[in-house]
Amino acid sequence: MNLKKILSGILGAVLMFVIGNMLPITNLYSHFIVNSHDDENTLVAIVVLVEWPIFIILGAIIGVLAYNYCLTKLSKGRF
């Protein structure tokens, strides 16, 4: 594989992870799942085992697709 493609995937995963954690998705989970202190462990498990891997996988896919679409086009030497 190409190093630029791998780096694009890693950068996409990191950016999607950071942006995804800034979205208030976890607040939606907390309203429906957490009714007591015992349910907080379930919320943490959902966030760590479901939400974060989805962000990382989607970000890596978007990064590789962005590399394939934007960085592999041949330049014609004009603007």
PDB file of N, CA and C in Angstrom:
ATOM      1  N   MET A   1       0.840  -1.189   0.000  1.00  0.00           N
ATOM      2  CA  MET A   1       0.000   0.000   0.000  1.00  0.00           C
ATOM      3  C   MET A   1       0.878   1.244   0.000  1.00  0.00           C
ATOM      4  N   ASN A   2       0.280   2.285  -0.410  1.00  0.00           N
ATOM      5  CA  ASN A   2       0.953   3.570  -0.485  1.00  0.00           C
ATOM      6  C   ASN A   2       0.947   4.236   0.894  1.00  0.00           C
ATOM      7  N   LEU A   3       2.079   4.830   1.271  1.00  0.00           N
ATOM      8  CA  LEU A   3       2.186   5.474   2.582  1.00  0.00           C
ATOM      9  C   LEU A   3       1.218   6.648   2.701  1.00  0.00           C
ATOM     10  N   LYS A   4       1.022   7.380   1.610  1.00  0.00           N
ATOM     11  CA  LYS A   4       0.084   8.514   1.661  1.00  0.00           C
ATOM     12  C   LYS A   4      -1.344   8.031   1.892  1.00  0.00           C
ATOM     13  N   LYS A   5      -1.691   6.879   1.339  1.00  0.00           N
ATOM     14  CA  LYS A   5      -3.033   6.338   1.538  1.00  0.00           C
ATOM     15  C   LYS A   5      -3.220   5.934   2.998  1.00  0.00           C
ATOM     16  N   ILE A   6      -2.200   5.312   3.587  1.00  0.00           N
ATOM     17  CA  ILE A   6      -2.278   4.914   4.990  1.00  0.00           C
ATOM     18  C   ILE A   6      -2.383   6.144   5.893  1.00  0.00           C
ATOM     19  N   LEU A   7      -1.569   7.153   5.615  1.00  0.00           N
ATOM     20  CA  LEU A   7      -1.618   8.377   6.423  1.00  0.00           C
ATOM     21  C   LEU A   7      -2.948   9.101   6.263  1.00  0.00           C
ATOM     22  N   SER A   8      -3.521   9.064   5.066  1.00  0.00           N
ATOM     23  CA  SER A   8      -4.841   9.674   4.867  1.00  0.00           C
ATOM     24  C   SER A   8      -5.898   8.949   5.679  1.00  0.00           C
ATOM     25  N   GLY A   9      -5.809   7.627   5.730  1.00  0.00           N
ATOM     26  CA  GLY A   9      -6.746   6.857   6.541  1.00  0.00           C
ATOM     27  C   GLY A   9      -6.598   7.144   8.015  1.00  0.00           C
ATOM     28  N   ILE A  10      -5.349   7.243   8.489  1.00  0.00           N
ATOM     29  CA  ILE A  10      -5.118   7.539   9.901  1.00  0.00           C
ATOM     30  C   ILE A  10      -5.600   8.947  10.242  1.00  0.00           C
ATOM     31  N   LEU A  11      -5.296   9.912   9.391  1.00  0.00           N
ATOM     32  CA  LEU A  11      -5.736  11.287   9.631  1.00  0.00           C
ATOM     33  C   LEU A  11      -7.258  11.382   9.615  1.00  0.00           C
ATOM     34  N   GLY A  12      -7.903  10.687   8.687  1.00  0.00           N
ATOM     35  CA  GLY A  12      -9.360  10.676   8.651  1.00  0.00           C
ATOM     36  C   GLY A  12      -9.953  10.056   9.904  1.00  0.00           C
ATOM     37  N   ALA A  13      -9.325   8.974  10.397  1.00  0.00           N
ATOM     38  CA  ALA A  13      -9.815   8.330  11.615  1.00  0.00           C
ATOM     39  C   ALA A  13      -9.671   9.253  12.822  1.00  0.00           C
ATOM     40  N   VAL A  14      -8.543   9.935  12.917  1.00  0.00           N
ATOM     41  CA  VAL A  14      -8.325  10.844  14.052  1.00  0.00           C
ATOM     42  C   VAL A  14      -9.297  12.019  13.996  1.00  0.00           C
ATOM     43  N   LEU A  15      -9.456  12.595  12.806  1.00  0.00           N
ATOM     44  CA  LEU A  15     -10.372  13.738  12.687  1.00  0.00           C
ATOM     45  C   LEU A  15     -11.815  13.336  12.976  1.00  0.00           C
ATOM     46  N   MET A  16     -12.233  12.188  12.467  1.00  0.00           N
ATOM     47  CA  MET A  16     -13.603  11.741  12.713  1.00  0.00           C
ATOM     48  C   MET A  16     -13.807  11.418  14.193  1.00  0.00           C
ATOM     49  N   PHE A  17     -12.794  10.862  14.829  1.00  0.00           N
ATOM     50  CA  PHE A  17     -12.885  10.564  16.260  1.00  0.00           C
ATOM     51  C   PHE A  17     -13.047  11.847  17.071  1.00  0.00           C
ATOM     52  N   VAL A  18     -12.257  12.858  16.750  1.00  0.00           N
ATOM     53  CA  VAL A  18     -12.326  14.127  17.490  1.00  0.00           C
ATOM     54  C   VAL A  18     -13.657  14.828  17.222  1.00  0.00           C
ATOM     55  N   ILE A  19     -14.050  14.914  15.965  1.00  0.00           N
ATOM     56  CA  ILE A  19     -15.305  15.590  15.625  1.00  0.00           C
ATOM     57  C   ILE A  19     -16.500  14.819  16.177  1.00  0.00           C
ATOM     58  N   GLY A  20     -16.441  13.491  16.102  1.00  0.00           N
ATOM     59  CA  GLY A  20     -17.537  12.677  16.626  1.00  0.00           C
ATOM     60  C   GLY A  20     -17.712  12.807  18.119  1.00  0.00           C
ATOM     61  N   ASN A  21     -16.612  12.983  18.838  1.00  0.00           N
ATOM     62  CA  ASN A  21     -16.726  13.149  20.287  1.00  0.00           C
ATOM     63  C   ASN A  21     -17.198  14.537  20.676  1.00  0.00           C
ATOM     64  N   MET A  22     -17.113  15.496  19.784  1.00  0.00           N
ATOM     65  CA  MET A  22     -17.633  16.826  20.080  1.00  0.00           C
ATOM     66  C   MET A  22     -19.139  16.906  19.834  1.00  0.00           C
ATOM     67  N   LEU A  23     -19.684  15.960  19.081  1.00  0.00           N
ATOM     68  CA  LEU A  23     -21.125  15.929  18.848  1.00  0.00           C
ATOM     69  C   LEU A  23     -21.837  15.408  20.098  1.00  0.00           C
ATOM     70  N   PRO A  24     -23.034  15.888  20.376  1.00  0.00           N
ATOM     71  CA  PRO A  24     -23.728  15.479  21.610  1.00  0.00           C
ATOM     72  C   PRO A  24     -24.497  14.165  21.474  1.00  0.00           C
ATOM     73  N   ILE A  25     -23.896  13.170  20.825  1.00  0.00           N
ATOM     74  CA  ILE A  25     -24.570  11.881  20.657  1.00  0.00           C
ATOM     75  C   ILE A  25     -24.673  11.149  21.992  1.00  0.00           C
ATOM     76  N   THR A  26     -23.650  11.243  22.825  1.00  0.00           N
ATOM     77  CA  THR A  26     -23.658  10.558  24.111  1.00  0.00           C
ATOM     78  C   THR A  26     -24.767  11.086  25.017  1.00  0.00           C
ATOM     79  N   ASN A  27     -25.128  12.341  24.865  1.00  0.00           N
ATOM     80  CA  ASN A  27     -26.234  12.879  25.662  1.00  0.00           C
ATOM     81  C   ASN A  27     -27.545  12.198  25.318  1.00  0.00           C
ATOM     82  N   LEU A  28     -27.727  11.828  24.055  1.00  0.00           N
ATOM     83  CA  LEU A  28     -28.935  11.095  23.674  1.00  0.00           C
ATOM     84  C   LEU A  28     -28.974   9.731  24.342  1.00  0.00           C
ATOM     85  N   TYR A  29     -27.813   9.044  24.343  1.00  0.00           N
ATOM     86  CA  TYR A  29     -27.758   7.749  25.017  1.00  0.00           C
ATOM     87  C   TYR A  29     -28.075   7.888  26.501  1.00  0.00           C
ATOM     88  N   SER A  30     -27.537   8.917  27.123  1.00  0.00           N
ATOM     89  CA  SER A  30     -27.709   9.050  28.565  1.00  0.00           C
ATOM     90  C   SER A  30     -29.162   9.294  28.950  1.00  0.00           C
ATOM     91  N   HIS A  31     -29.920   9.952  28.117  1.00  0.00           N
ATOM     92  CA  HIS A  31     -31.338  10.188  28.426  1.00  0.00           C
ATOM     93  C   HIS A  31     -32.150   8.901  28.369  1.00  0.00           C
ATOM     94  N   PHE A  32     -31.776   7.991  27.458  1.00  0.00           N
ATOM     95  CA  PHE A  32     -32.566   6.771  27.288  1.00  0.00           C
ATOM     96  C   PHE A  32     -32.050   5.594  28.104  1.00  0.00           C
ATOM     97  N   ILE A  33     -30.760   5.563  28.420  1.00  0.00           N
ATOM     98  CA  ILE A  33     -30.175   4.388  29.062  1.00  0.00           C
ATOM     99  C   ILE A  33     -29.961   4.587  30.557  1.00  0.00           C
ATOM    100  N   VAL A  34     -29.423   5.735  30.941  1.00  0.00           N
ATOM    101  CA  VAL A  34     -29.022   5.936  32.337  1.00  0.00           C
ATOM    102  C   VAL A  34     -30.218   6.381  33.168  1.00  0.00           C
ATOM    103  N   ASN A  35     -30.650   5.493  34.058  1.00  0.00           N
ATOM    104  CA  ASN A  35     -31.707   5.826  35.002  1.00  0.00           C
ATOM    105  C   ASN A  35     -31.179   5.867  36.424  1.00  0.00           C
ATOM    106  N   SER A  36     -30.026   5.227  36.652  1.00  0.00           N
ATOM    107  CA  SER A  36     -29.411   5.225  37.976  1.00  0.00           C
ATOM    108  C   SER A  36     -27.894   5.134  37.796  1.00  0.00           C
ATOM    109  N   HIS A  37     -27.181   5.099  38.922  1.00  0.00           N
ATOM    110  CA  HIS A  37     -25.724   5.020  38.854  1.00  0.00           C
ATOM    111  C   HIS A  37     -25.255   3.676  38.312  1.00  0.00           C
ATOM    112  N   ASP A  38     -26.060   2.651  38.458  1.00  0.00           N
ATOM    113  CA  ASP A  38     -25.683   1.334  37.950  1.00  0.00           C
ATOM    114  C   ASP A  38     -25.687   1.296  36.416  1.00  0.00           C
ATOM    115  N   ASP A  39     -26.502   2.115  35.802  1.00  0.00           N
ATOM    116  CA  ASP A  39     -26.595   2.133  34.347  1.00  0.00           C
ATOM    117  C   ASP A  39     -25.462   2.914  33.686  1.00  0.00           C
ATOM    118  N   GLU A  40     -24.673   3.622  34.451  1.00  0.00           N
ATOM    119  CA  GLU A  40     -23.570   4.397  33.876  1.00  0.00           C
ATOM    120  C   GLU A  40     -22.515   3.482  33.260  1.00  0.00           C
ATOM    121  N   ASN A  41     -22.332   2.295  33.816  1.00  0.00           N
ATOM    122  CA  ASN A  41     -21.388   1.347  33.228  1.00  0.00           C
ATOM    123  C   ASN A  41     -21.841   0.909  31.840  1.00  0.00           C
ATOM    124  N   THR A  42     -23.125   0.755  31.650  1.00  0.00           N
ATOM    125  CA  THR A  42     -23.656   0.393  30.342  1.00  0.00           C
ATOM    126  C   THR A  42     -23.393   1.503  29.336  1.00  0.00           C
ATOM    127  N   LEU A  43     -23.562   2.733  29.765  1.00  0.00           N
ATOM    128  CA  LEU A  43     -23.305   3.871  28.880  1.00  0.00           C
ATOM    129  C   LEU A  43     -21.839   3.921  28.473  1.00  0.00           C
ATOM    130  N   VAL A  44     -20.942   3.709  29.414  1.00  0.00           N
ATOM    131  CA  VAL A  44     -19.509   3.718  29.103  1.00  0.00           C
ATOM    132  C   VAL A  44     -19.172   2.580  28.154  1.00  0.00           C
ATOM    133  N   ALA A  45     -19.758   1.414  28.360  1.00  0.00           N
ATOM    134  CA  ALA A  45     -19.507   0.282  27.476  1.00  0.00           C
ATOM    135  C   ALA A  45     -19.994   0.568  26.059  1.00  0.00           C
ATOM    136  N   ILE A  46     -21.137   1.198  25.928  1.00  0.00           N
ATOM    137  CA  ILE A  46     -21.649   1.537  24.599  1.00  0.00           C
ATOM    138  C   ILE A  46     -20.743   2.547  23.916  1.00  0.00           C
ATOM    139  N   VAL A  47     -20.305   3.539  24.648  1.00  0.00           N
ATOM    140  CA  VAL A  47     -19.446   4.573  24.061  1.00  0.00           C
ATOM    141  C   VAL A  47     -18.101   3.982  23.646  1.00  0.00           C
ATOM    142  N   VAL A  48     -17.472   3.211  24.524  1.00  0.00           N
ATOM    143  CA  VAL A  48     -16.124   2.703  24.251  1.00  0.00           C
ATOM    144  C   VAL A  48     -16.136   1.554  23.250  1.00  0.00           C
ATOM    145  N   LEU A  49     -17.114   0.677  23.317  1.00  0.00           N
ATOM    146  CA  LEU A  49     -17.102  -0.521  22.478  1.00  0.00           C
ATOM    147  C   LEU A  49     -17.903  -0.393  21.186  1.00  0.00           C
ATOM    148  N   VAL A  50     -18.775   0.602  21.091  1.00  0.00           N
ATOM    149  CA  VAL A  50     -19.590   0.746  19.876  1.00  0.00           C
ATOM    150  C   VAL A  50     -19.325   2.076  19.183  1.00  0.00           C
ATOM    151  N   GLU A  51     -19.491   3.162  19.915  1.00  0.00           N
ATOM    152  CA  GLU A  51     -19.426   4.486  19.295  1.00  0.00           C
ATOM    153  C   GLU A  51     -18.017   4.827  18.801  1.00  0.00           C
ATOM    154  N   TRP A  52     -16.995   4.649  19.635  1.00  0.00           N
ATOM    155  CA  TRP A  52     -15.633   5.001  19.233  1.00  0.00           C
ATOM    156  C   TRP A  52     -15.120   4.161  18.069  1.00  0.00           C
ATOM    157  N   PRO A  53     -15.331   2.839  18.061  1.00  0.00           N
ATOM    158  CA  PRO A  53     -14.887   2.083  16.880  1.00  0.00           C
ATOM    159  C   PRO A  53     -15.606   2.490  15.595  1.00  0.00           C
ATOM    160  N   ILE A  54     -16.874   2.841  15.702  1.00  0.00           N
ATOM    161  CA  ILE A  54     -17.594   3.298  14.508  1.00  0.00           C
ATOM    162  C   ILE A  54     -16.980   4.593  13.988  1.00  0.00           C
ATOM    163  N   PHE A  55     -16.678   5.525  14.886  1.00  0.00           N
ATOM    164  CA  PHE A  55     -16.031   6.771  14.469  1.00  0.00           C
ATOM    165  C   PHE A  55     -14.691   6.498  13.797  1.00  0.00           C
ATOM    166  N   ILE A  56     -13.894   5.614  14.370  1.00  0.00           N
ATOM    167  CA  ILE A  56     -12.563   5.335  13.825  1.00  0.00           C
ATOM    168  C   ILE A  56     -12.657   4.646  12.474  1.00  0.00           C
ATOM    169  N   ILE A  57     -13.537   3.671  12.329  1.00  0.00           N
ATOM    170  CA  ILE A  57     -13.664   2.948  11.060  1.00  0.00           C
ATOM    171  C   ILE A  57     -14.216   3.862   9.973  1.00  0.00           C
ATOM    172  N   LEU A  58     -15.259   4.624  10.285  1.00  0.00           N
ATOM    173  CA  LEU A  58     -15.814   5.551   9.296  1.00  0.00           C
ATOM    174  C   LEU A  58     -14.803   6.618   8.891  1.00  0.00           C
ATOM    175  N   GLY A  59     -14.041   7.124   9.853  1.00  0.00           N
ATOM    176  CA  GLY A  59     -13.022   8.121   9.545  1.00  0.00           C
ATOM    177  C   GLY A  59     -11.936   7.577   8.650  1.00  0.00           C
ATOM    178  N   ALA A  60     -11.506   6.335   8.901  1.00  0.00           N
ATOM    179  CA  ALA A  60     -10.486   5.721   8.053  1.00  0.00           C
ATOM    180  C   ALA A  60     -11.011   5.509   6.638  1.00  0.00           C
ATOM    181  N   ILE A  61     -12.246   5.082   6.510  1.00  0.00           N
ATOM    182  CA  ILE A  61     -12.844   4.891   5.182  1.00  0.00           C
ATOM    183  C   ILE A  61     -12.954   6.225   4.454  1.00  0.00           C
ATOM    184  N   ILE A  62     -13.405   7.258   5.145  1.00  0.00           N
ATOM    185  CA  ILE A  62     -13.527   8.580   4.526  1.00  0.00           C
ATOM    186  C   ILE A  62     -12.147   9.113   4.132  1.00  0.00           C
ATOM    187  N   GLY A  63     -11.130   8.882   4.965  1.00  0.00           N
ATOM    188  CA  GLY A  63      -9.782   9.327   4.639  1.00  0.00           C
ATOM    189  C   GLY A  63      -9.232   8.644   3.401  1.00  0.00           C
ATOM    190  N   VAL A  64      -9.436   7.335   3.274  1.00  0.00           N
ATOM    191  CA  VAL A  64      -8.962   6.610   2.091  1.00  0.00           C
ATOM    192  C   VAL A  64      -9.744   7.031   0.853  1.00  0.00           C
ATOM    193  N   LEU A  65     -11.052   7.229   0.993  1.00  0.00           N
ATOM    194  CA  LEU A  65     -11.850   7.696  -0.146  1.00  0.00           C
ATOM    195  C   LEU A  65     -11.428   9.098  -0.574  1.00  0.00           C
ATOM    196  N   ALA A  66     -11.123   9.956   0.390  1.00  0.00           N
ATOM    197  CA  ALA A  66     -10.646  11.301   0.057  1.00  0.00           C
ATOM    198  C   ALA A  66      -9.304  11.223  -0.658  1.00  0.00           C
ATOM    199  N   TYR A  67      -8.441  10.322  -0.235  1.00  0.00           N
ATOM    200  CA  TYR A  67      -7.157  10.133  -0.921  1.00  0.00           C
ATOM    201  C   TYR A  67      -7.391   9.672  -2.355  1.00  0.00           C
ATOM    202  N   ASN A  68      -8.251   8.677  -2.528  1.00  0.00           N
ATOM    203  CA  ASN A  68      -8.501   8.147  -3.877  1.00  0.00           C
ATOM    204  C   ASN A  68      -9.138   9.189  -4.786  1.00  0.00           C
ATOM    205  N   TYR A  69      -9.991  10.026  -4.233  1.00  0.00           N
ATOM    206  CA  TYR A  69     -10.696  11.001  -5.059  1.00  0.00           C
ATOM    207  C   TYR A  69      -9.864  12.256  -5.322  1.00  0.00           C
ATOM    208  N   CYS A  70      -9.202  12.759  -4.290  1.00  0.00           N
ATOM    209  CA  CYS A  70      -8.538  14.063  -4.413  1.00  0.00           C
ATOM    210  C   CYS A  70      -7.051  13.966  -4.740  1.00  0.00           C
ATOM    211  N   LEU A  71      -6.349  13.034  -4.144  1.00  0.00           N
ATOM    212  CA  LEU A  71      -4.904  13.030  -4.258  1.00  0.00           C
ATOM    213  C   LEU A  71      -4.366  12.170  -5.388  1.00  0.00           C
ATOM    214  N   THR A  72      -5.212  11.415  -6.064  1.00  0.00           N
ATOM    215  CA  THR A  72      -4.728  10.572  -7.151  1.00  0.00           C
ATOM    216  C   THR A  72      -5.070  11.115  -8.524  1.00  0.00           C
ATOM    217  N   LYS A  73      -5.714  12.270  -8.577  1.00  0.00           N
ATOM    218  CA  LYS A  73      -6.031  12.875  -9.872  1.00  0.00           C
ATOM    219  C   LYS A  73      -4.760  13.416 -10.504  1.00  0.00           C
ATOM    220  N   LEU A  74      -4.617  13.223 -11.783  1.00  0.00           N
ATOM    221  CA  LEU A  74      -3.443  13.726 -12.485  1.00  0.00           C
ATOM    222  C   LEU A  74      -3.595  15.210 -12.757  1.00  0.00           C
ATOM    223  N   SER A  75      -2.525  15.938 -12.568  1.00  0.00           N
ATOM    224  CA  SER A  75      -2.543  17.373 -12.788  1.00  0.00           C
ATOM    225  C   SER A  75      -2.258  17.651 -14.260  1.00  0.00           C
ATOM    226  N   LYS A  76      -2.954  18.636 -14.810  1.00  0.00           N
ATOM    227  CA  LYS A  76      -2.747  19.038 -16.209  1.00  0.00           C
ATOM    228  C   LYS A  76      -1.796  20.219 -16.299  1.00  0.00           C
ATOM    229  N   GLY A  77      -1.272  20.663 -15.173  1.00  0.00           N
ATOM    230  CA  GLY A  77      -0.326  21.764 -15.169  1.00  0.00           C
ATOM    231  C   GLY A  77      -0.962  23.129 -15.226  1.00  0.00           C
ATOM    232  N   ARG A  78      -2.285  23.184 -15.129  1.00  0.00           N
ATOM    233  CA  ARG A  78      -3.002  24.472 -15.155  1.00  0.00           C
ATOM    234  C   ARG A  78      -3.796  24.617 -13.872  1.00  0.00           C
ATOM    235  N   PHE A  79      -4.213  25.831 -13.621  1.00  0.00           N
ATOM    236  CA  PHE A  79      -5.051  26.087 -12.459  1.00  0.00           C
ATOM    237  C   PHE A  79      -6.494  25.972 -12.808  1.00  0.00           C
TER     238      PHE A  79
END
